[in-house]
Amino acid sequence: MSDDSHTGMDREVLARGDVMARARQRDGQATTVLSEEALLASRRAVIPDHFDSPLWVFGYGSLIWNPVIAFDQRIDALVQGYHRRFCMWTTIGRGSPDCPGLVLGLDQGGATKGQLFRIPNDKMIAEIDVLWRREMMADSYRPVWVKAQTAQGPITALSFAIRRNRPTYAPRLSVEETARIIHKAVGFVGPCREYLEGTYSGLQAAGITDRHMAQLLAWMSRLDTEKGA
């Protein structure tokens, strides 16, 4: 696999640890990717091996259009206290050290519409380990328990919020600045633009309107015109 090839982000890629391995190989001792031991320890600190109840996971971004985990229920939800924002620099999945990308995280304040995914207890540990490899490889998120409002009533769910004390935390940028970063960044998983477009389409399919993403996509078209001029 060449350095500029893309792995995508599916179950097989996550199970093999392809993205993590490539990042470790590229960055050597400077890697920000957790070791397998540290990754497992971080998961066990939140979800122990003996956890035997169904688990709800709150998705607010790419999880909606690319869940990767097996689930038996999927429902709309609203979480208070966090908002969806392009607040995480990435030099792995959707960016590089020379050209970091931006991906979504839950940041403090506001509210977020998303979807809940229920992992059945007989598949719990296998599925949560897949999810952990995806969300926690660089330790830029912190697992949080949120109370989601749903048509079934309040449901406690696991989600992933940005760690504000990490170098990967991105300040609030203008729409144009954010769009220019996303437009040019590419990582092991693929173009950052692909992440934006896939997430926006997934939110639309779920009946969720995100005006900020619509503005970013409008800027993508402008930047395409600039590039072609």
C-alpha atoms as a PDB file:
ATOM      1  CA  MET A   1       0.000   0.000   0.000  1.00  0.00           C
ATOM      2  CA  SER A   2       1.561   3.318  -1.088  1.00  0.00           C
ATOM      3  CA  ASP A   3       1.821   6.327   1.193  1.00  0.00           C
ATOM      4  CA  ASP A   4      -0.822   8.235  -0.777  1.00  0.00           C
ATOM      5  CA  SER A   5      -3.342   5.401  -0.942  1.00  0.00           C
ATOM      6  CA  HIS A   6      -6.496   5.578   1.176  1.00  0.00           C
ATOM      7  CA  THR A   7      -7.771   2.859   3.473  1.00  0.00           C
ATOM      8  CA  GLY A   8     -11.344   4.055   3.953  1.00  0.00           C
ATOM      9  CA  MET A   9     -12.854   3.384   7.365  1.00  0.00           C
ATOM     10  CA  ASP A  10     -14.798   0.151   7.541  1.00  0.00           C
ATOM     11  CA  ARG A  11     -14.920  -2.726  10.017  1.00  0.00           C
ATOM     12  CA  GLU A  12     -12.156  -4.689   8.312  1.00  0.00           C
ATOM     13  CA  VAL A  13      -9.792  -1.713   8.254  1.00  0.00           C
ATOM     14  CA  LEU A  14     -10.486  -1.002  11.924  1.00  0.00           C
ATOM     15  CA  ALA A  15     -10.113  -4.636  12.967  1.00  0.00           C
ATOM     16  CA  ARG A  16      -6.726  -4.857  11.245  1.00  0.00           C
ATOM     17  CA  GLY A  17      -5.617  -1.530  12.705  1.00  0.00           C
ATOM     18  CA  ASP A  18      -4.445  -0.305   9.296  1.00  0.00           C
ATOM     19  CA  VAL A  19      -4.800   3.421   9.971  1.00  0.00           C
ATOM     20  CA  MET A  20      -3.127   3.173  13.375  1.00  0.00           C
ATOM     21  CA  ALA A  21      -0.252   1.106  11.973  1.00  0.00           C
ATOM     22  CA  ARG A  22       0.386   3.542   9.133  1.00  0.00           C
ATOM     23  CA  ALA A  23       0.364   6.505  11.504  1.00  0.00           C
ATOM     24  CA  ARG A  24       2.837   4.791  13.857  1.00  0.00           C
ATOM     25  CA  GLN A  25       5.105   3.878  10.950  1.00  0.00           C
ATOM     26  CA  ARG A  26       5.038   7.422   9.572  1.00  0.00           C
ATOM     27  CA  ASP A  27       5.532   9.250  12.878  1.00  0.00           C
ATOM     28  CA  GLY A  28       7.774   6.838  14.771  1.00  0.00           C
ATOM     29  CA  GLN A  29       8.429   7.885  18.373  1.00  0.00           C
ATOM     30  CA  ALA A  30       6.505  11.111  17.766  1.00  0.00           C
ATOM     31  CA  THR A  31       3.292   9.194  17.182  1.00  0.00           C
ATOM     32  CA  THR A  32       0.123  10.395  18.856  1.00  0.00           C
ATOM     33  CA  VAL A  33      -1.612   7.061  18.267  1.00  0.00           C
ATOM     34  CA  LEU A  34      -2.276   5.006  21.379  1.00  0.00           C
ATOM     35  CA  SER A  35      -0.689   1.585  21.724  1.00  0.00           C
ATOM     36  CA  GLU A  36      -2.983  -1.421  21.634  1.00  0.00           C
ATOM     37  CA  GLU A  37      -2.496  -1.832  25.384  1.00  0.00           C
ATOM     38  CA  ALA A  38      -3.361   1.811  26.130  1.00  0.00           C
ATOM     39  CA  LEU A  39      -6.370   1.679  23.835  1.00  0.00           C
ATOM     40  CA  LEU A  40      -7.726  -1.410  25.576  1.00  0.00           C
ATOM     41  CA  ALA A  41      -7.085   0.092  29.019  1.00  0.00           C
ATOM     42  CA  SER A  42      -8.956   3.270  28.096  1.00  0.00           C
ATOM     43  CA  ARG A  43     -11.945   1.248  26.916  1.00  0.00           C
ATOM     44  CA  ARG A  44     -11.968  -0.920  30.044  1.00  0.00           C
ATOM     45  CA  ALA A  45     -11.932   2.199  32.211  1.00  0.00           C
ATOM     46  CA  VAL A  46     -15.292   3.157  30.678  1.00  0.00           C
ATOM     47  CA  ILE A  47     -16.774  -0.157  29.527  1.00  0.00           C
ATOM     48  CA  PRO A  48     -15.417  -3.105  31.560  1.00  0.00           C
ATOM     49  CA  ASP A  49     -15.181  -6.562  30.022  1.00  0.00           C
ATOM     50  CA  HIS A  50     -18.027  -7.787  32.225  1.00  0.00           C
ATOM     51  CA  PHE A  51     -20.433  -5.106  30.964  1.00  0.00           C
ATOM     52  CA  ASP A  52     -23.477  -7.182  29.981  1.00  0.00           C
ATOM     53  CA  SER A  53     -26.284  -4.707  29.280  1.00  0.00           C
ATOM     54  CA  PRO A  54     -27.318  -3.227  25.930  1.00  0.00           C
ATOM     55  CA  LEU A  55     -25.421  -0.014  25.233  1.00  0.00           C
ATOM     56  CA  TRP A  56     -26.689   3.082  23.454  1.00  0.00           C
ATOM     57  CA  VAL A  57     -24.181   5.180  21.496  1.00  0.00           C
ATOM     58  CA  PHE A  58     -24.953   8.755  20.441  1.00  0.00           C
ATOM     59  CA  GLY A  59     -23.784   9.554  16.917  1.00  0.00           C
ATOM     60  CA  TYR A  60     -23.594  13.167  15.738  1.00  0.00           C
ATOM     61  CA  GLY A  61     -21.284  13.049  12.708  1.00  0.00           C
ATOM     62  CA  SER A  62     -19.779  10.332  10.549  1.00  0.00           C
ATOM     63  CA  LEU A  63     -21.235   7.610  12.774  1.00  0.00           C
ATOM     64  CA  ILE A  64     -24.625   8.490  11.264  1.00  0.00           C
ATOM     65  CA  TRP A  65     -23.560   7.690   7.695  1.00  0.00           C
ATOM     66  CA  ASN A  66     -20.860   5.126   8.455  1.00  0.00           C
ATOM     67  CA  PRO A  67     -21.762   3.384  11.734  1.00  0.00           C
ATOM     68  CA  VAL A  68     -19.272   0.448  11.341  1.00  0.00           C
ATOM     69  CA  ILE A  69     -20.794  -1.151  14.471  1.00  0.00           C
ATOM     70  CA  ALA A  70     -23.575  -3.756  14.579  1.00  0.00           C
ATOM     71  CA  PHE A  71     -26.748  -2.429  16.219  1.00  0.00           C
ATOM     72  CA  ASP A  72     -30.337  -3.571  16.652  1.00  0.00           C
ATOM     73  CA  GLN A  73     -32.050  -0.187  17.102  1.00  0.00           C
ATOM     74  CA  ARG A  74     -31.494   3.281  15.671  1.00  0.00           C
ATOM     75  CA  ILE A  75     -33.533   6.281  16.824  1.00  0.00           C
ATOM     76  CA  ASP A  76     -33.429  10.072  16.603  1.00  0.00           C
ATOM     77  CA  ALA A  77     -32.163  11.933  19.657  1.00  0.00           C
ATOM     78  CA  LEU A  78     -31.363  15.370  21.068  1.00  0.00           C
ATOM     79  CA  VAL A  79     -28.525  15.985  23.535  1.00  0.00           C
ATOM     80  CA  GLN A  80     -28.277  19.183  25.563  1.00  0.00           C
ATOM     81  CA  GLY A  81     -24.992  20.687  26.758  1.00  0.00           C
ATOM     82  CA  TYR A  82     -22.912  19.961  23.648  1.00  0.00           C
ATOM     83  CA  HIS A  83     -22.861  21.197  20.073  1.00  0.00           C
ATOM     84  CA  ARG A  84     -21.429  19.661  16.908  1.00  0.00           C
ATOM     85  CA  ARG A  85     -18.407  21.558  15.556  1.00  0.00           C
ATOM     86  CA  PHE A  86     -15.332  21.071  13.374  1.00  0.00           C
ATOM     87  CA  CYS A  87     -13.113  21.382  16.422  1.00  0.00           C
ATOM     88  CA  MET A  88     -10.527  18.616  16.017  1.00  0.00           C
ATOM     89  CA  TRP A  89      -7.346  18.843  13.978  1.00  0.00           C
ATOM     90  CA  THR A  90      -6.448  15.542  12.374  1.00  0.00           C
ATOM     91  CA  THR A  91      -3.127  14.524  10.862  1.00  0.00           C
ATOM     92  CA  ILE A  92      -4.141  10.880  10.502  1.00  0.00           C
ATOM     93  CA  GLY A  93      -7.555  10.023   9.119  1.00  0.00           C
ATOM     94  CA  ARG A  94      -8.446  13.102   7.103  1.00  0.00           C
ATOM     95  CA  GLY A  95      -5.250  15.144   7.134  1.00  0.00           C
ATOM     96  CA  SER A  96      -1.469  15.033   7.389  1.00  0.00           C
ATOM     97  CA  PRO A  97       1.245  16.770   9.434  1.00  0.00           C
ATOM     98  CA  ASP A  98       1.897  19.139   6.514  1.00  0.00           C
ATOM     99  CA  CYS A  99      -1.782  19.777   5.884  1.00  0.00           C
ATOM    100  CA  PRO A 100      -4.022  18.965   8.884  1.00  0.00           C
ATOM    101  CA  GLY A 101      -7.712  18.443   8.352  1.00  0.00           C
ATOM    102  CA  LEU A 102     -10.668  19.234  10.579  1.00  0.00           C
ATOM    103  CA  VAL A 103     -13.280  16.758  11.792  1.00  0.00           C
ATOM    104  CA  LEU A 104     -16.256  16.986  14.088  1.00  0.00           C
ATOM    105  CA  GLY A 105     -16.383  16.704  17.839  1.00  0.00           C
ATOM    106  CA  LEU A 106     -18.873  17.521  20.541  1.00  0.00           C
ATOM    107  CA  ASP A 107     -17.842  20.811  22.120  1.00  0.00           C
ATOM    108  CA  GLN A 108     -19.277  22.374  25.259  1.00  0.00           C
ATOM    109  CA  GLY A 109     -22.531  24.314  25.166  1.00  0.00           C
ATOM    110  CA  GLY A 110     -25.706  24.305  23.130  1.00  0.00           C
ATOM    111  CA  ALA A 111     -27.514  21.223  21.883  1.00  0.00           C
ATOM    112  CA  THR A 112     -27.050  18.587  19.201  1.00  0.00           C
ATOM    113  CA  LYS A 113     -29.468  16.535  17.150  1.00  0.00           C
ATOM    114  CA  GLY A 114     -28.179  13.098  16.221  1.00  0.00           C
ATOM    115  CA  GLN A 115     -29.070   9.435  16.404  1.00  0.00           C
ATOM    116  CA  LEU A 116     -28.755   6.683  18.988  1.00  0.00           C
ATOM    117  CA  PHE A 117     -27.489   3.216  18.095  1.00  0.00           C
ATOM    118  CA  ARG A 118     -28.199   0.315  20.446  1.00  0.00           C
ATOM    119  CA  ILE A 119     -25.548  -2.387  20.651  1.00  0.00           C
ATOM    120  CA  PRO A 120     -27.075  -5.666  21.901  1.00  0.00           C
ATOM    121  CA  ASN A 121     -25.389  -7.156  24.963  1.00  0.00           C
ATOM    122  CA  ASP A 122     -24.362 -10.388  23.203  1.00  0.00           C
ATOM    123  CA  LYS A 123     -22.137  -8.324  20.847  1.00  0.00           C
ATOM    124  CA  MET A 124     -21.140  -5.651  23.319  1.00  0.00           C
ATOM    125  CA  ILE A 125     -17.385  -5.967  23.794  1.00  0.00           C
ATOM    126  CA  ALA A 126     -16.550  -6.874  20.193  1.00  0.00           C
ATOM    127  CA  GLU A 127     -18.520  -3.908  18.876  1.00  0.00           C
ATOM    128  CA  ILE A 128     -17.324  -1.381  21.417  1.00  0.00           C
ATOM    129  CA  ASP A 129     -13.713  -2.340  20.677  1.00  0.00           C
ATOM    130  CA  VAL A 130     -14.326  -1.603  16.995  1.00  0.00           C
ATOM    131  CA  LEU A 131     -15.804   1.753  17.949  1.00  0.00           C
ATOM    132  CA  TRP A 132     -12.896   2.488  20.318  1.00  0.00           C
ATOM    133  CA  ARG A 133     -10.350   1.924  17.550  1.00  0.00           C
ATOM    134  CA  ARG A 134     -12.210   4.434  15.434  1.00  0.00           C
ATOM    135  CA  GLU A 135     -12.844   7.177  17.971  1.00  0.00           C
ATOM    136  CA  MET A 136     -10.019   6.868  20.482  1.00  0.00           C
ATOM    137  CA  MET A 137      -6.888   6.008  18.472  1.00  0.00           C
ATOM    138  CA  ALA A 138      -5.358   9.475  18.983  1.00  0.00           C
ATOM    139  CA  ASP A 139      -6.882  10.119  22.418  1.00  0.00           C
ATOM    140  CA  SER A 140      -8.325  13.423  21.177  1.00  0.00           C
ATOM    141  CA  TYR A 141     -11.838  12.619  22.350  1.00  0.00           C
ATOM    142  CA  ARG A 142     -13.052  11.858  25.842  1.00  0.00           C
ATOM    143  CA  PRO A 143     -15.850   9.332  26.335  1.00  0.00           C
ATOM    144  CA  VAL A 144     -18.872  10.975  27.955  1.00  0.00           C
ATOM    145  CA  TRP A 145     -22.225   9.745  29.183  1.00  0.00           C
ATOM    146  CA  VAL A 146     -25.029  11.935  27.862  1.00  0.00           C
ATOM    147  CA  LYS A 147     -28.759  11.981  28.537  1.00  0.00           C
ATOM    148  CA  ALA A 148     -30.479  11.932  25.167  1.00  0.00           C
ATOM    149  CA  GLN A 149     -34.085  13.002  24.661  1.00  0.00           C
ATOM    150  CA  THR A 150     -35.981  10.631  22.372  1.00  0.00           C
ATOM    151  CA  ALA A 151     -39.547   9.706  21.445  1.00  0.00           C
ATOM    152  CA  GLN A 152     -39.097   6.778  23.852  1.00  0.00           C
ATOM    153  CA  GLY A 153     -38.140   9.116  26.693  1.00  0.00           C
ATOM    154  CA  PRO A 154     -34.684   9.989  28.084  1.00  0.00           C
ATOM    155  CA  ILE A 155     -31.913   7.476  27.348  1.00  0.00           C
ATOM    156  CA  THR A 156     -28.387   7.485  28.759  1.00  0.00           C
ATOM    157  CA  ALA A 157     -25.859   6.966  25.997  1.00  0.00           C
ATOM    158  CA  LEU A 158     -22.128   6.922  25.375  1.00  0.00           C
ATOM    159  CA  SER A 159     -20.645   9.567  23.114  1.00  0.00           C
ATOM    160  CA  PHE A 160     -17.315  11.240  22.384  1.00  0.00           C
ATOM    161  CA  ALA A 161     -16.551  14.887  23.178  1.00  0.00           C
ATOM    162  CA  ILE A 162     -13.446  16.836  22.238  1.00  0.00           C
ATOM    163  CA  ARG A 163     -10.619  17.114  24.765  1.00  0.00           C
ATOM    164  CA  ARG A 164     -10.077  20.855  25.024  1.00  0.00           C
ATOM    165  CA  ASN A 165      -6.672  20.426  26.676  1.00  0.00           C
ATOM    166  CA  ARG A 166      -5.144  18.576  23.729  1.00  0.00           C
ATOM    167  CA  PRO A 167      -3.125  20.139  20.863  1.00  0.00           C
ATOM    168  CA  THR A 168      -5.706  18.664  18.509  1.00  0.00           C
ATOM    169  CA  TYR A 169      -8.391  21.040  19.837  1.00  0.00           C
ATOM    170  CA  ALA A 170      -9.146  23.619  17.141  1.00  0.00           C
ATOM    171  CA  PRO A 171     -10.330  27.137  17.956  1.00  0.00           C
ATOM    172  CA  ARG A 172     -13.469  28.545  16.387  1.00  0.00           C
ATOM    173  CA  LEU A 173     -12.645  29.582  12.818  1.00  0.00           C
ATOM    174  CA  SER A 174     -14.605  31.453  10.188  1.00  0.00           C
ATOM    175  CA  VAL A 175     -16.630  29.492   7.646  1.00  0.00           C
ATOM    176  CA  GLU A 176     -14.149  30.432   4.933  1.00  0.00           C
ATOM    177  CA  GLU A 177     -11.100  29.379   6.977  1.00  0.00           C
ATOM    178  CA  THR A 178     -12.726  26.072   7.888  1.00  0.00           C
ATOM    179  CA  ALA A 179     -13.737  25.422   4.281  1.00  0.00           C
ATOM    180  CA  ARG A 180     -10.233  26.123   2.944  1.00  0.00           C
ATOM    181  CA  ILE A 181      -8.732  23.670   5.437  1.00  0.00           C
ATOM    182  CA  ILE A 182     -11.246  20.946   4.612  1.00  0.00           C
ATOM    183  CA  HIS A 183     -10.939  21.567   0.880  1.00  0.00           C
ATOM    184  CA  LYS A 184      -7.258  20.672   0.668  1.00  0.00           C
ATOM    185  CA  ALA A 185      -6.637  18.185   3.505  1.00  0.00           C
ATOM    186  CA  VAL A 186      -6.177  14.467   2.777  1.00  0.00           C
ATOM    187  CA  GLY A 187      -5.275  11.667   5.188  1.00  0.00           C
ATOM    188  CA  PHE A 188      -4.867   7.896   5.317  1.00  0.00           C
ATOM    189  CA  VAL A 189      -8.649   7.403   5.335  1.00  0.00           C
ATOM    190  CA  GLY A 190      -9.289   9.831   2.480  1.00  0.00           C
ATOM    191  CA  PRO A 191     -10.044  13.491   1.681  1.00  0.00           C
ATOM    192  CA  CYS A 192     -11.394  15.695   4.432  1.00  0.00           C
ATOM    193  CA  ARG A 193     -13.942  16.994   1.934  1.00  0.00           C
ATOM    194  CA  GLU A 194     -15.341  13.475   1.595  1.00  0.00           C
ATOM    195  CA  TYR A 195     -15.939  13.459   5.358  1.00  0.00           C
ATOM    196  CA  LEU A 196     -17.851  16.752   5.174  1.00  0.00           C
ATOM    197  CA  GLU A 197     -19.960  15.670   2.210  1.00  0.00           C
ATOM    198  CA  GLY A 198     -20.737  12.250   3.655  1.00  0.00           C
ATOM    199  CA  THR A 199     -21.687  13.681   7.039  1.00  0.00           C
ATOM    200  CA  TYR A 200     -23.912  16.371   5.546  1.00  0.00           C
ATOM    201  CA  SER A 201     -25.707  13.819   3.368  1.00  0.00           C
ATOM    202  CA  GLY A 202     -26.104  11.468   6.324  1.00  0.00           C
ATOM    203  CA  LEU A 203     -27.587  14.222   8.478  1.00  0.00           C
ATOM    204  CA  GLN A 204     -29.985  15.214   5.723  1.00  0.00           C
ATOM    205  CA  ALA A 205     -31.113  11.600   5.308  1.00  0.00           C
ATOM    206  CA  ALA A 206     -31.787  11.526   9.053  1.00  0.00           C
ATOM    207  CA  GLY A 207     -33.861  14.708   8.795  1.00  0.00           C
ATOM    208  CA  ILE A 208     -31.239  16.858  10.550  1.00  0.00           C
ATOM    209  CA  THR A 209     -30.456  20.331   9.220  1.00  0.00           C
ATOM    210  CA  ASP A 210     -26.958  21.711   9.776  1.00  0.00           C
ATOM    211  CA  ARG A 211     -26.695  25.250   8.398  1.00  0.00           C
ATOM    212  CA  HIS A 212     -22.970  25.522   9.107  1.00  0.00           C
ATOM    213  CA  MET A 213     -22.214  22.464   6.965  1.00  0.00           C
ATOM    214  CA  ALA A 214     -24.409  23.833   4.178  1.00  0.00           C
ATOM    215  CA  GLN A 215     -22.325  27.024   4.263  1.00  0.00           C
ATOM    216  CA  LEU A 216     -19.114  24.987   4.144  1.00  0.00           C
ATOM    217  CA  LEU A 217     -20.338  23.087   1.088  1.00  0.00           C
ATOM    218  CA  ALA A 218     -21.207  26.357  -0.633  1.00  0.00           C
ATOM    219  CA  TRP A 219     -17.624  27.438  -0.002  1.00  0.00           C
ATOM    220  CA  MET A 220     -16.381  24.151  -1.478  1.00  0.00           C
ATOM    221  CA  SER A 221     -18.009  25.138  -4.771  1.00  0.00           C
ATOM    222  CA  ARG A 222     -16.343  28.572  -4.649  1.00  0.00           C
ATOM    223  CA  LEU A 223     -12.973  27.028  -3.973  1.00  0.00           C
ATOM    224  CA  ASP A 224     -13.435  24.587  -6.843  1.00  0.00           C
ATOM    225  CA  THR A 225     -14.057  27.575  -9.097  1.00  0.00           C
ATOM    226  CA  GLU A 226     -10.946  29.317  -7.763  1.00  0.00           C
ATOM    227  CA  LYS A 227      -8.865  26.204  -8.387  1.00  0.00           C
ATOM    228  CA  GLY A 228     -10.146  25.840 -11.925  1.00  0.00           C
ATOM    229  CA  ALA A 229      -9.695  29.490 -12.820  1.00  0.00           C
END
